[in-house]
Protein backbone atom coordinates (compact mmCIF):
# COMPACT_ATOMS: atom_id res chain seq x y z
CA MET A 1 202.33 9.17 181.50
CA GLN A 2 200.68 8.90 178.06
CA ASN A 3 198.97 5.63 177.17
CA ILE A 4 199.89 4.25 173.75
CA GLY A 5 198.25 1.23 172.14
CA PHE A 6 200.59 -0.96 170.10
CA ILE A 7 199.24 -3.89 168.09
CA GLY A 8 201.84 -6.17 166.52
CA LEU A 9 204.88 -6.96 168.69
CA GLY A 10 206.88 -8.89 166.11
CA ILE A 11 210.38 -8.42 164.72
CA MET A 12 209.76 -4.73 164.06
CA GLY A 13 207.02 -3.85 166.52
CA ARG A 14 208.75 -5.14 169.61
CA PRO A 15 211.83 -2.87 169.44
CA MET A 16 209.75 0.05 168.16
CA SER A 17 207.36 -0.19 171.10
CA GLY A 18 210.35 -0.72 173.38
CA HIS A 19 211.74 2.70 172.48
CA LEU A 20 208.41 4.26 173.38
CA ALA A 21 208.32 2.39 176.69
CA ALA A 22 211.88 3.48 177.46
CA ALA A 23 210.81 7.08 176.81
CA GLY A 24 208.16 6.82 179.51
CA TYR A 25 205.03 5.92 177.55
CA LYS A 26 202.74 3.23 178.94
CA ILE A 27 202.30 0.58 176.24
CA HIS A 28 198.95 -1.22 175.99
CA THR A 29 198.57 -4.25 173.72
CA SER A 30 196.17 -7.05 172.90
CA THR A 31 196.64 -10.69 173.83
CA HIS A 32 194.26 -11.92 171.12
CA PHE A 33 197.31 -12.91 169.02
CA GLN A 34 199.28 -14.55 171.83
CA PRO A 35 199.91 -14.08 175.56
CA LEU A 36 202.13 -11.18 176.58
CA GLU A 37 205.65 -12.42 177.28
CA PRO A 38 206.79 -12.11 180.93
CA GLU A 39 209.65 -9.73 180.09
CA LEU A 40 207.18 -7.33 178.46
CA VAL A 41 204.95 -7.48 181.52
CA ASP A 42 208.06 -6.70 183.59
CA ALA A 43 208.73 -3.75 181.30
CA GLY A 44 205.30 -2.33 182.15
CA TYR A 45 203.29 -3.36 179.08
CA VAL A 46 199.57 -3.59 179.83
CA PRO A 47 197.72 -6.59 178.32
CA HIS A 48 194.10 -6.44 177.15
CA PRO A 49 191.94 -9.32 175.87
CA THR A 50 190.86 -7.53 172.68
CA VAL A 51 191.99 -4.78 170.34
CA LYS A 52 188.78 -2.93 171.18
CA ALA A 53 189.85 -2.78 174.84
CA VAL A 54 193.25 -1.37 173.84
CA VAL A 55 191.61 1.36 171.78
CA GLU A 56 189.23 2.27 174.61
CA ALA A 57 192.20 2.67 176.98
CA CYS A 58 194.38 4.81 174.70
CA ASP A 59 194.14 7.99 172.63
CA THR A 60 196.84 6.89 170.15
CA ILE A 61 197.04 3.37 168.72
CA ILE A 62 199.89 2.09 166.52
CA LEU A 63 199.60 -0.94 164.23
CA MET A 64 202.66 -2.86 163.00
CA LEU A 65 201.31 -5.89 161.13
CA PRO A 66 202.48 -8.15 158.26
CA ASP A 67 200.15 -7.26 155.39
CA THR A 68 196.88 -5.71 154.23
CA PRO A 69 194.53 -8.54 155.36
CA GLN A 70 195.89 -8.45 158.92
CA VAL A 71 195.48 -4.68 159.13
CA GLU A 72 191.92 -4.93 157.81
CA GLU A 73 191.09 -7.63 160.36
CA VAL A 74 192.50 -5.66 163.30
CA LEU A 75 190.72 -2.49 162.20
CA PHE A 76 187.29 -3.88 161.42
CA ALA A 77 186.76 -7.15 163.32
CA ILE A 78 183.90 -7.29 165.84
CA ASP A 79 186.29 -6.54 168.71
CA GLY A 80 188.70 -4.51 166.58
CA VAL A 81 189.81 -0.90 166.38
CA LEU A 82 186.61 0.54 164.92
CA ALA A 83 184.53 -0.97 167.72
CA GLY A 84 186.46 1.00 170.33
CA LEU A 85 186.93 4.29 168.46
CA SER A 86 185.63 7.64 169.59
CA PRO A 87 186.21 11.13 168.14
CA GLY A 88 189.74 12.49 168.50
CA LYS A 89 191.56 9.17 168.82
CA ILE A 90 194.49 8.64 166.43
CA ILE A 91 195.23 5.43 164.55
CA ILE A 92 198.74 5.11 163.10
CA ASP A 93 199.33 2.21 160.74
CA MET A 94 203.10 1.63 160.45
CA SER A 95 202.69 -1.63 158.51
CA SER A 96 203.61 -1.81 154.80
CA ILE A 97 200.35 -2.46 152.98
CA SER A 98 198.32 -1.54 149.90
CA PRO A 99 198.05 2.23 149.28
CA ILE A 100 194.65 1.75 147.64
CA ALA A 101 193.29 -0.25 150.58
CA THR A 102 194.79 2.29 152.97
CA LYS A 103 192.71 5.09 151.49
CA GLY A 104 189.57 3.06 152.12
CA PHE A 105 190.63 2.16 155.66
CA ALA A 106 191.39 5.82 156.42
CA ALA A 107 188.02 6.97 155.10
CA ARG A 108 186.18 4.56 157.41
CA VAL A 109 188.22 5.60 160.46
CA ASN A 110 188.04 9.34 159.72
CA LYS A 111 184.28 9.11 159.31
CA THR A 112 184.00 8.29 163.04
CA GLY A 113 185.68 11.56 164.02
CA ALA A 114 188.94 9.76 164.79
CA HIS A 115 192.11 10.36 162.75
CA TYR A 116 194.17 8.01 160.56
CA LEU A 117 197.84 8.22 159.60
CA ASP A 118 199.63 5.72 157.39
CA ALA A 119 203.29 5.72 158.41
CA PRO A 120 205.22 2.78 156.94
CA VAL A 121 208.92 2.49 157.70
CA SER A 122 212.17 1.57 156.00
CA GLY A 123 215.30 0.34 157.74
CA GLY A 124 214.40 -3.20 158.73
CA GLU A 125 215.10 -4.88 162.04
CA VAL A 126 218.42 -3.07 162.39
CA GLY A 127 216.73 0.31 162.04
CA ALA A 128 213.95 -0.68 164.41
CA LYS A 129 216.45 -1.68 167.10
CA ALA A 130 218.57 1.43 166.58
CA ALA A 131 215.56 3.81 166.44
CA SER A 132 216.88 5.01 163.08
CA LEU A 133 213.93 4.11 160.85
CA THR A 134 212.85 6.22 157.91
CA ILE A 135 209.15 6.99 158.43
CA MET A 136 206.91 8.08 155.52
CA VAL A 137 203.64 9.57 156.68
CA GLY A 138 200.31 10.22 154.99
CA GLY A 139 197.57 12.19 156.74
CA GLU A 140 196.54 15.57 158.12
CA PRO A 141 199.41 17.93 159.04
CA ALA A 142 197.92 18.82 162.44
CA VAL A 143 197.59 15.15 163.39
CA PHE A 144 201.14 14.47 162.19
CA GLU A 145 202.51 17.30 164.33
CA LYS A 146 200.68 15.97 167.37
CA VAL A 147 202.22 12.50 167.17
CA ASN A 148 205.61 13.41 165.68
CA PRO A 149 207.26 13.10 169.12
CA LEU A 150 206.35 9.40 168.99
CA PHE A 151 207.92 9.03 165.54
CA GLU A 152 211.07 10.73 166.81
CA LYS A 153 211.51 7.96 169.39
CA MET A 154 211.48 5.32 166.64
CA GLY A 155 213.11 6.96 163.64
CA LYS A 156 215.42 9.63 162.26
CA ASN A 157 214.20 10.59 158.77
CA ILE A 158 210.53 11.47 159.25
CA THR A 159 208.55 13.05 156.41
CA LEU A 160 204.90 13.99 155.97
CA VAL A 161 204.57 13.26 152.25
CA GLY A 162 200.88 14.01 151.73
CA GLY A 163 197.39 12.75 152.52
CA ASN A 164 196.18 9.31 153.52
CA GLY A 165 197.68 6.63 151.32
CA ASP A 166 200.67 8.73 150.29
CA GLY A 167 202.84 7.23 153.02
CA GLN A 168 202.14 3.73 151.71
CA THR A 169 202.70 4.90 148.13
CA THR A 170 206.10 6.25 149.17
CA LYS A 171 207.01 2.94 150.81
CA VAL A 172 206.09 1.01 147.65
CA ALA A 173 208.24 3.42 145.61
CA ASN A 174 211.08 2.81 148.06
CA GLN A 175 210.80 -0.95 147.60
CA ILE A 176 210.82 -0.60 143.81
CA ILE A 177 214.07 1.37 143.97
CA VAL A 178 215.67 -1.07 146.41
CA ALA A 179 214.74 -4.14 144.35
CA LEU A 180 215.94 -2.66 141.07
CA THR A 181 219.18 -1.47 142.64
CA ILE A 182 219.84 -4.94 144.08
CA GLU A 183 219.30 -6.31 140.59
CA ALA A 184 221.71 -3.74 139.10
CA VAL A 185 224.41 -4.47 141.67
CA GLY A 186 223.96 -8.22 141.18
CA GLU A 187 224.23 -7.96 137.40
CA ALA A 188 227.30 -5.72 137.61
CA LEU A 189 229.19 -7.96 140.01
CA LEU A 190 228.19 -11.07 138.06
CA PHE A 191 229.44 -9.48 134.84
CA ALA A 192 232.74 -8.52 136.47
CA SER A 193 233.24 -11.96 137.98
CA LYS A 194 232.41 -13.81 134.75
CA ALA A 195 234.87 -11.55 132.88
CA GLY A 196 237.62 -12.66 135.26
CA ALA A 197 237.87 -9.57 137.48
CA ASP A 198 237.94 -9.76 141.27
CA PRO A 199 234.39 -8.72 142.28
CA ALA A 200 235.56 -7.48 145.68
CA LYS A 201 238.05 -5.10 144.09
CA VAL A 202 235.51 -4.05 141.47
CA ARG A 203 233.06 -3.19 144.24
CA THR A 204 235.72 -1.17 146.07
CA ALA A 205 236.47 0.79 142.91
CA LEU A 206 232.78 1.45 142.21
CA MET A 207 232.23 2.70 145.75
CA GLY A 208 234.34 5.73 144.87
CA GLY A 209 232.36 6.69 141.78
CA PHE A 210 228.91 7.71 140.60
CA ALA A 211 227.68 4.11 140.89
CA SER A 212 228.18 4.19 144.65
CA SER A 213 225.09 3.41 146.73
CA ARG A 214 224.13 2.02 150.11
CA ILE A 215 223.05 -1.17 148.37
CA LEU A 216 226.40 -1.56 146.59
CA GLU A 217 228.06 -1.00 149.96
CA VAL A 218 225.98 -3.39 152.08
CA HIS A 219 224.38 -5.86 149.69
CA GLY A 220 227.30 -5.94 147.29
CA ASP A 221 229.39 -7.06 150.24
CA ARG A 222 226.80 -9.73 151.08
CA MET A 223 226.90 -11.04 147.50
CA ILE A 224 230.68 -11.37 147.61
CA LYS A 225 230.88 -12.85 151.11
CA ARG A 226 227.78 -15.07 150.57
CA THR A 227 226.14 -13.85 153.78
CA PHE A 228 222.45 -14.20 153.00
CA ASP A 229 221.01 -14.55 156.49
CA PRO A 230 218.05 -12.21 156.41
CA GLY A 231 218.03 -8.62 157.35
CA PHE A 232 214.99 -8.26 155.07
CA ARG A 233 213.53 -11.50 153.73
CA ILE A 234 212.84 -12.14 150.07
CA GLY A 235 209.31 -13.20 151.01
CA LEU A 236 208.59 -9.75 152.41
CA HIS A 237 210.04 -7.99 149.39
CA GLN A 238 207.88 -10.17 147.15
CA LYS A 239 204.87 -8.90 149.11
CA ASP A 240 205.93 -5.29 148.58
CA LEU A 241 206.50 -5.74 144.84
CA ASN A 242 203.09 -7.41 144.58
CA LEU A 243 201.65 -4.19 145.99
CA ALA A 244 203.59 -2.22 143.37
CA LEU A 245 202.43 -4.38 140.48
CA GLU A 246 198.82 -4.53 141.67
CA GLY A 247 198.80 -0.75 142.07
CA ALA A 248 200.35 -0.31 138.64
CA ARG A 249 197.63 -2.42 137.05
CA ALA A 250 194.95 -0.38 138.80
CA LEU A 251 196.57 2.85 137.63
CA GLY A 252 197.23 1.64 134.09
CA VAL A 253 201.00 2.05 134.51
CA ALA A 254 203.68 -0.31 133.18
CA LEU A 255 206.52 -1.20 135.58
CA PRO A 256 208.56 -3.60 133.42
CA ASN A 257 211.73 -3.65 135.50
CA THR A 258 209.76 -4.11 138.72
CA ALA A 259 208.11 -7.14 137.12
CA THR A 260 211.54 -8.52 136.20
CA ALA A 261 212.82 -8.04 139.75
CA GLN A 262 209.78 -9.88 141.07
CA GLU A 263 210.45 -12.79 138.71
CA LEU A 264 214.01 -12.98 140.04
CA PHE A 265 212.67 -13.09 143.60
CA ASN A 266 210.19 -15.76 142.46
CA THR A 267 213.11 -17.81 141.10
CA CYS A 268 214.84 -17.57 144.47
CA ALA A 269 211.65 -18.60 146.26
CA ALA A 270 211.23 -21.59 143.92
CA ASN A 271 214.71 -22.68 144.99
CA GLY A 272 213.95 -22.50 148.71
CA GLY A 273 214.95 -18.87 149.19
CA THR A 274 211.87 -17.22 150.67
CA GLU A 275 213.76 -16.74 153.94
CA TRP A 276 217.00 -15.52 152.31
CA ASP A 277 217.99 -11.89 152.57
CA HIS A 278 216.78 -9.93 149.54
CA SER A 279 220.39 -9.38 148.46
CA ALA A 280 220.27 -13.08 147.50
CA MET A 281 218.35 -12.03 144.37
CA VAL A 282 221.82 -12.39 142.85
CA ARG A 283 221.44 -16.17 143.15
CA ALA A 284 218.72 -16.10 140.50
CA LEU A 285 221.08 -14.24 138.16
CA GLU A 286 223.83 -16.73 138.97
CA LEU A 287 221.56 -19.65 138.10
CA MET A 288 220.89 -18.18 134.67
CA ALA A 289 224.60 -17.52 134.09
CA ASN A 290 225.73 -20.82 135.63
CA HIS A 291 228.38 -18.77 137.40
CA PRO A 292 228.59 -17.45 141.00
CA VAL A 293 229.73 -13.92 141.76
CA ALA A 294 232.07 -15.40 144.35
CA THR A 295 232.60 -18.49 146.49
CA ALA A 296 232.13 -18.69 150.23
CA ASP A 297 235.88 -18.50 150.88
CA THR A 298 236.43 -15.37 148.76
């Protein structure tokens, strides 16, 4: 039985690690965040007092953490990943964090003789539970091939896109496309509704044409039915677009529509919407138009 370290057993990390455990891997984790829940102990998870102890017990360690500062802390704290590393161990960061910071983190880890992969995911909690995540990987091909069986237990669309940092760059690009498409769908349905058309029927018609998309299908439906309980929270998408805009500034690139999408998310957040699903970006557009796409009983 292969020992796998898994740091970050939150909304995403818990089901992801659960698929690995169900496949027969022994999951080791740290209790420095919080005590290991009894059901995870019953499932065979092995608790350790520090991240360093997890790394010493395992050859492959996966991180699934909220943002760049948390990954940096887990990697480089006194009792963190680096303190327990030895040549040949593999660190896989599946969090969504800064591509620029990732390159620096990878350089420090690789310098020890260990290996670093950045492997952020798309698909949200639903994808994590269904083991259908899209996984975008940056790192050495040989290391990727070695751990790909782990990725296959957690996801379906798995791509090595390049070197360290390229996985995170791909995830940021994904979040730009998603945000701008939500904005486009919101504007289209708002326009149709304000013009007097039935937005539900408009959406059905558009689903059969070139404008069809997964976001029109899923989030367009949310906008019409007013179901904004989070699958992916606005607060998290704000974090991802911050990464895009910070990276754009560093690269000297203008991302004007990304900036607009972020301002719409900011408007939602200012109106108490940090915890809304990101499809609720449409509410910011509705505020400006003083017109809702639909009512709750549509």
